[in-house]
Amino acid sequence: MLYDVSVNLLAHALLANSDPDRIVGQLCGDFVRGSNLDAFPQAIQAGIRCHRAVDSYTDRHPLNLEARNLFEPEYRRYAGIVVDVIYDHFLANDWHKYNNAPLADYTALVTEALNARHSVLPQKLQNFAALLEVENTLERNRHRDHIELTLQRISGRRKFLKPVERVAPSMWSNEAALKQLFDRFFPELLDYTYKYQQHAVENQLGR
C-alpha cells in the first residue's frame, strides 16, 4: 500500500451493511497488518478480512485498470489512490442509489460504531476517527474542494507521494469517463462483496 490512511472509507462503510462491528472491521482494514487478528472480536475480524478481499478485487478489476490508464504516465503510479478518492466522491453523490438511509444517518451510524468500540481500534484509527467526526468527512466527500483537500493530505504523508497534490486537474478532466467506469464497477463490487460475505458465513457455520 502506498499510503497509511484509507481513502475509500465511504465505500468500505457501505459494504458493511449497517452492521456496527463490520463497519469498524472494514475501517480497521488499512490500519491492521498481518494475519493474526486475535486482538479483535470475531465480527470485527470478519470486517477486516472483507476489507482485504474487497481491496484485492478492486485492485485487479479490469475496469479499474482502465480507470488508472486514463492518467498521464507520470501520475500512473498514484492513479489507484486517486481513483479510490474520486470513487468515494461519486458514491457520496449517488448514495441514494445504494442505501435507503440518508447519508447523514449512515455517517452518524459509522461515528457511533467507532466511538463505541474506541478501545479496540488501532491507535492511528483512533486518531483518524476523531478527524472523521470533527470534519464530517464521509458527507463532505460530496464536495470537490474536500476531494482536493484529501489529495493534498495524502501528498504530505510521504515524500514520494508529493506528486499526488498535482493530480487533481487530470482527475477532474477525466471525471466523466471515471464516473462511467464507477457506474459499471460499483454494482459488480456489491455483488462480489455479497457473495464473499455469504461464503464466509457458510464456512463459519460449517465448522
Protein backbone atom coordinates (compact mmCIF):
# COMPACT_ATOMS: atom_id res chain seq x y z
CA MET A 1 0.00 0.00 0.00
CA LEU A 2 1.27 3.46 -0.88
CA TYR A 3 -0.43 5.26 2.00
CA ASP A 4 -1.37 4.51 5.57
CA VAL A 5 -4.87 6.01 5.74
CA SER A 6 -7.77 4.60 3.82
CA VAL A 7 -9.08 6.86 1.07
CA ASN A 8 -12.24 4.93 0.23
CA LEU A 9 -13.77 4.88 3.68
CA LEU A 10 -17.30 5.53 2.49
CA ALA A 11 -17.31 2.53 0.16
CA HIS A 12 -15.96 0.24 2.87
CA ALA A 13 -18.51 1.53 5.37
CA LEU A 14 -21.34 0.91 2.93
CA LEU A 15 -20.17 -2.65 2.26
CA ALA A 16 -20.58 -3.45 5.97
CA ASN A 17 -24.37 -3.40 5.51
CA SER A 18 -25.12 -1.23 8.56
CA ASP A 19 -23.56 -3.76 10.97
CA PRO A 20 -21.58 -1.73 13.55
CA ASP A 21 -18.92 -4.39 14.17
CA ARG A 22 -18.40 -4.96 10.47
CA ILE A 23 -18.25 -1.20 9.87
CA VAL A 24 -15.43 -0.99 12.41
CA GLY A 25 -13.72 -4.01 10.84
CA GLN A 26 -13.99 -2.53 7.37
CA LEU A 27 -12.49 0.75 8.57
CA CYS A 28 -9.74 -1.06 10.50
CA GLY A 29 -8.62 -2.74 7.30
CA ASP A 30 -5.99 -0.20 6.29
CA PHE A 31 -4.66 0.15 9.85
CA VAL A 32 -4.05 -3.51 10.69
CA ARG A 33 -1.18 -5.60 9.38
CA GLY A 34 -0.58 -9.33 9.43
CA SER A 35 -2.83 -12.37 9.65
CA ASN A 36 -3.14 -12.55 13.44
CA LEU A 37 -6.38 -10.74 14.26
CA ASP A 38 -6.91 -12.27 17.71
CA ALA A 39 -6.93 -8.83 19.34
CA PHE A 40 -10.32 -8.16 17.74
CA PRO A 41 -13.78 -9.68 18.28
CA GLN A 42 -14.88 -12.16 15.61
CA ALA A 43 -17.27 -9.77 13.87
CA ILE A 44 -14.57 -7.10 13.56
CA GLN A 45 -12.14 -9.73 12.27
CA ALA A 46 -14.71 -10.58 9.59
CA GLY A 47 -14.88 -6.93 8.57
CA ILE A 48 -11.10 -6.69 8.31
CA ARG A 49 -10.93 -9.81 6.12
CA CYS A 50 -13.74 -8.49 3.94
CA HIS A 51 -11.90 -5.17 3.55
CA ARG A 52 -8.81 -7.01 2.34
CA ALA A 53 -10.82 -9.12 -0.10
CA VAL A 54 -12.54 -6.00 -1.45
CA ASP A 55 -9.21 -4.23 -1.94
CA SER A 56 -7.76 -7.22 -3.78
CA TYR A 57 -10.82 -7.49 -6.02
CA THR A 58 -10.78 -3.74 -6.71
CA ASP A 59 -7.06 -3.57 -7.49
CA ARG A 60 -7.19 -6.31 -10.11
CA HIS A 61 -10.53 -5.43 -11.72
CA PRO A 62 -10.19 -4.60 -15.45
CA LEU A 63 -12.46 -1.55 -15.17
CA ASN A 64 -10.16 -0.05 -12.58
CA LEU A 65 -7.11 -0.79 -14.68
CA GLU A 66 -8.91 1.15 -17.41
CA ALA A 67 -9.56 3.97 -14.94
CA ARG A 68 -5.91 4.15 -13.91
CA ASN A 69 -4.81 4.24 -17.52
CA LEU A 70 -6.75 7.47 -18.03
CA PHE A 71 -3.99 9.32 -16.17
CA GLU A 72 -0.76 10.56 -17.65
CA PRO A 73 2.20 8.17 -17.27
CA GLU A 74 3.87 10.46 -14.73
CA TYR A 75 0.86 10.02 -12.43
CA ARG A 76 0.11 6.37 -13.19
CA ARG A 77 1.89 5.19 -10.05
CA TYR A 78 -0.57 7.15 -7.94
CA ALA A 79 -3.67 6.61 -10.07
CA GLY A 80 -5.05 3.87 -7.82
CA ILE A 81 -5.10 6.30 -4.90
CA VAL A 82 -6.82 8.97 -6.96
CA VAL A 83 -9.40 6.56 -8.34
CA ASP A 84 -10.26 5.46 -4.78
CA VAL A 85 -10.70 9.08 -3.74
CA ILE A 86 -12.95 10.10 -6.62
CA TYR A 87 -14.99 6.89 -6.36
CA ASP A 88 -15.94 7.90 -2.81
CA HIS A 89 -16.93 11.28 -4.28
CA PHE A 90 -19.21 9.56 -6.80
CA LEU A 91 -20.64 7.26 -4.12
CA ALA A 92 -21.41 10.16 -1.79
CA ASN A 93 -23.33 11.94 -4.54
CA ASP A 94 -25.12 8.76 -5.66
CA TRP A 95 -25.67 7.44 -2.14
CA HIS A 96 -29.45 7.17 -2.58
CA LYS A 97 -28.90 4.57 -5.30
CA TYR A 98 -27.13 2.20 -2.95
CA ASN A 99 -28.63 2.68 0.50
CA ASN A 100 -32.08 3.58 1.78
CA ALA A 101 -30.78 5.56 4.75
CA PRO A 102 -29.79 9.19 4.14
CA LEU A 103 -26.03 9.66 4.03
CA ALA A 104 -26.17 11.82 7.17
CA ASP A 105 -27.84 8.98 9.08
CA TYR A 106 -25.34 6.40 7.87
CA THR A 107 -22.47 8.73 8.75
CA ALA A 108 -23.90 9.00 12.28
CA LEU A 109 -24.03 5.19 12.45
CA VAL A 110 -20.35 4.99 11.46
CA THR A 111 -19.40 7.58 14.08
CA GLU A 112 -21.39 5.77 16.78
CA ALA A 113 -19.82 2.43 15.86
CA LEU A 114 -16.28 3.83 16.04
CA ASN A 115 -16.90 5.66 19.32
CA ALA A 116 -18.49 2.61 20.98
CA ARG A 117 -15.50 0.41 20.03
CA HIS A 118 -12.81 3.04 20.53
CA SER A 119 -10.74 0.89 22.88
CA VAL A 120 -10.16 -1.85 20.28
CA LEU A 121 -9.26 0.50 17.42
CA PRO A 122 -5.63 0.72 16.28
CA GLN A 123 -4.08 3.96 17.54
CA LYS A 124 -3.92 5.53 14.09
CA LEU A 125 -7.60 4.80 13.54
CA GLN A 126 -8.46 6.23 16.95
CA ASN A 127 -6.83 9.47 15.87
CA PHE A 128 -8.36 9.37 12.41
CA ALA A 129 -11.85 8.59 13.75
CA ALA A 130 -11.77 11.86 15.67
CA LEU A 131 -10.92 13.70 12.46
CA LEU A 132 -13.71 11.92 10.60
CA GLU A 133 -16.24 13.11 13.14
CA VAL A 134 -14.99 16.68 13.51
CA GLU A 135 -14.69 17.27 9.77
CA ASN A 136 -17.75 15.22 8.79
CA THR A 137 -15.51 13.61 6.19
CA LEU A 138 -17.90 10.99 4.80
CA GLU A 139 -20.57 13.54 3.92
CA ARG A 140 -18.08 16.12 2.70
CA ASN A 141 -16.91 13.65 0.07
CA ARG A 142 -19.73 15.14 -1.99
CA HIS A 143 -17.75 18.32 -2.49
CA ARG A 144 -14.91 18.83 -4.94
CA ASP A 145 -12.91 21.03 -2.57
CA HIS A 146 -12.89 18.25 0.03
CA ILE A 147 -11.69 15.74 -2.55
CA GLU A 148 -8.82 18.06 -3.43
CA LEU A 149 -8.04 18.52 0.27
CA THR A 150 -7.84 14.73 0.62
CA LEU A 151 -5.31 14.56 -2.20
CA GLN A 152 -3.26 17.34 -0.62
CA ARG A 153 -3.18 15.50 2.69
CA ILE A 154 -2.13 12.24 1.06
CA SER A 155 0.67 14.07 -0.74
CA GLY A 156 2.06 15.18 2.62
CA ARG A 157 2.23 11.71 4.14
CA ARG A 158 5.34 10.52 2.35
CA LYS A 159 7.94 12.34 0.29
CA PHE A 160 7.36 10.11 -2.72
CA LEU A 161 3.63 10.88 -2.58
CA LYS A 162 4.21 14.62 -3.15
CA PRO A 163 3.06 14.42 -6.83
CA VAL A 164 -0.44 13.38 -5.70
CA GLU A 165 -1.29 17.01 -4.95
CA ARG A 166 -0.80 17.82 -8.65
CA VAL A 167 -3.18 15.13 -9.96
CA ALA A 168 -6.45 17.00 -9.34
CA PRO A 169 -6.63 18.75 -12.76
CA SER A 170 -6.14 15.44 -14.55
CA MET A 171 -8.69 13.78 -12.29
CA TRP A 172 -11.36 16.41 -12.98
CA SER A 173 -10.65 16.47 -16.71
CA ASN A 174 -11.34 12.72 -16.73
CA GLU A 175 -14.31 12.96 -14.37
CA ALA A 176 -16.96 11.90 -16.91
CA ALA A 177 -15.00 8.85 -18.03
CA LEU A 178 -14.22 7.91 -14.44
CA LYS A 179 -17.89 8.25 -13.49
CA GLN A 180 -18.91 5.89 -16.29
CA LEU A 181 -16.37 3.33 -15.06
CA PHE A 182 -17.57 3.74 -11.47
CA ASP A 183 -21.18 3.18 -12.55
CA ARG A 184 -20.16 -0.09 -14.18
CA PHE A 185 -17.78 -1.23 -11.47
CA PHE A 186 -19.66 -0.50 -8.26
CA PRO A 187 -22.62 -2.85 -8.82
CA GLU A 188 -20.10 -5.60 -9.57
CA LEU A 189 -18.29 -4.80 -6.33
CA LEU A 190 -21.57 -5.00 -4.39
CA ASP A 191 -22.31 -8.38 -5.93
CA TYR A 192 -18.80 -9.66 -5.20
CA THR A 193 -18.98 -8.48 -1.58
CA TYR A 194 -22.39 -10.05 -1.02
CA LYS A 195 -21.14 -13.40 -2.33
CA TYR A 196 -17.93 -13.13 -0.30
CA GLN A 197 -19.88 -12.45 2.90
CA GLN A 198 -22.34 -15.29 2.21
CA HIS A 199 -19.46 -17.69 1.60
CA ALA A 200 -17.75 -16.56 4.82
CA VAL A 201 -20.93 -17.19 6.81
CA GLU A 202 -21.38 -20.63 5.25
CA ASN A 203 -17.79 -21.54 6.09
CA GLN A 204 -18.24 -20.41 9.67
CA LEU A 205 -21.45 -22.42 10.06
CA GLY A 206 -19.77 -25.46 8.55
CA ARG A 207 -17.05 -25.57 11.14
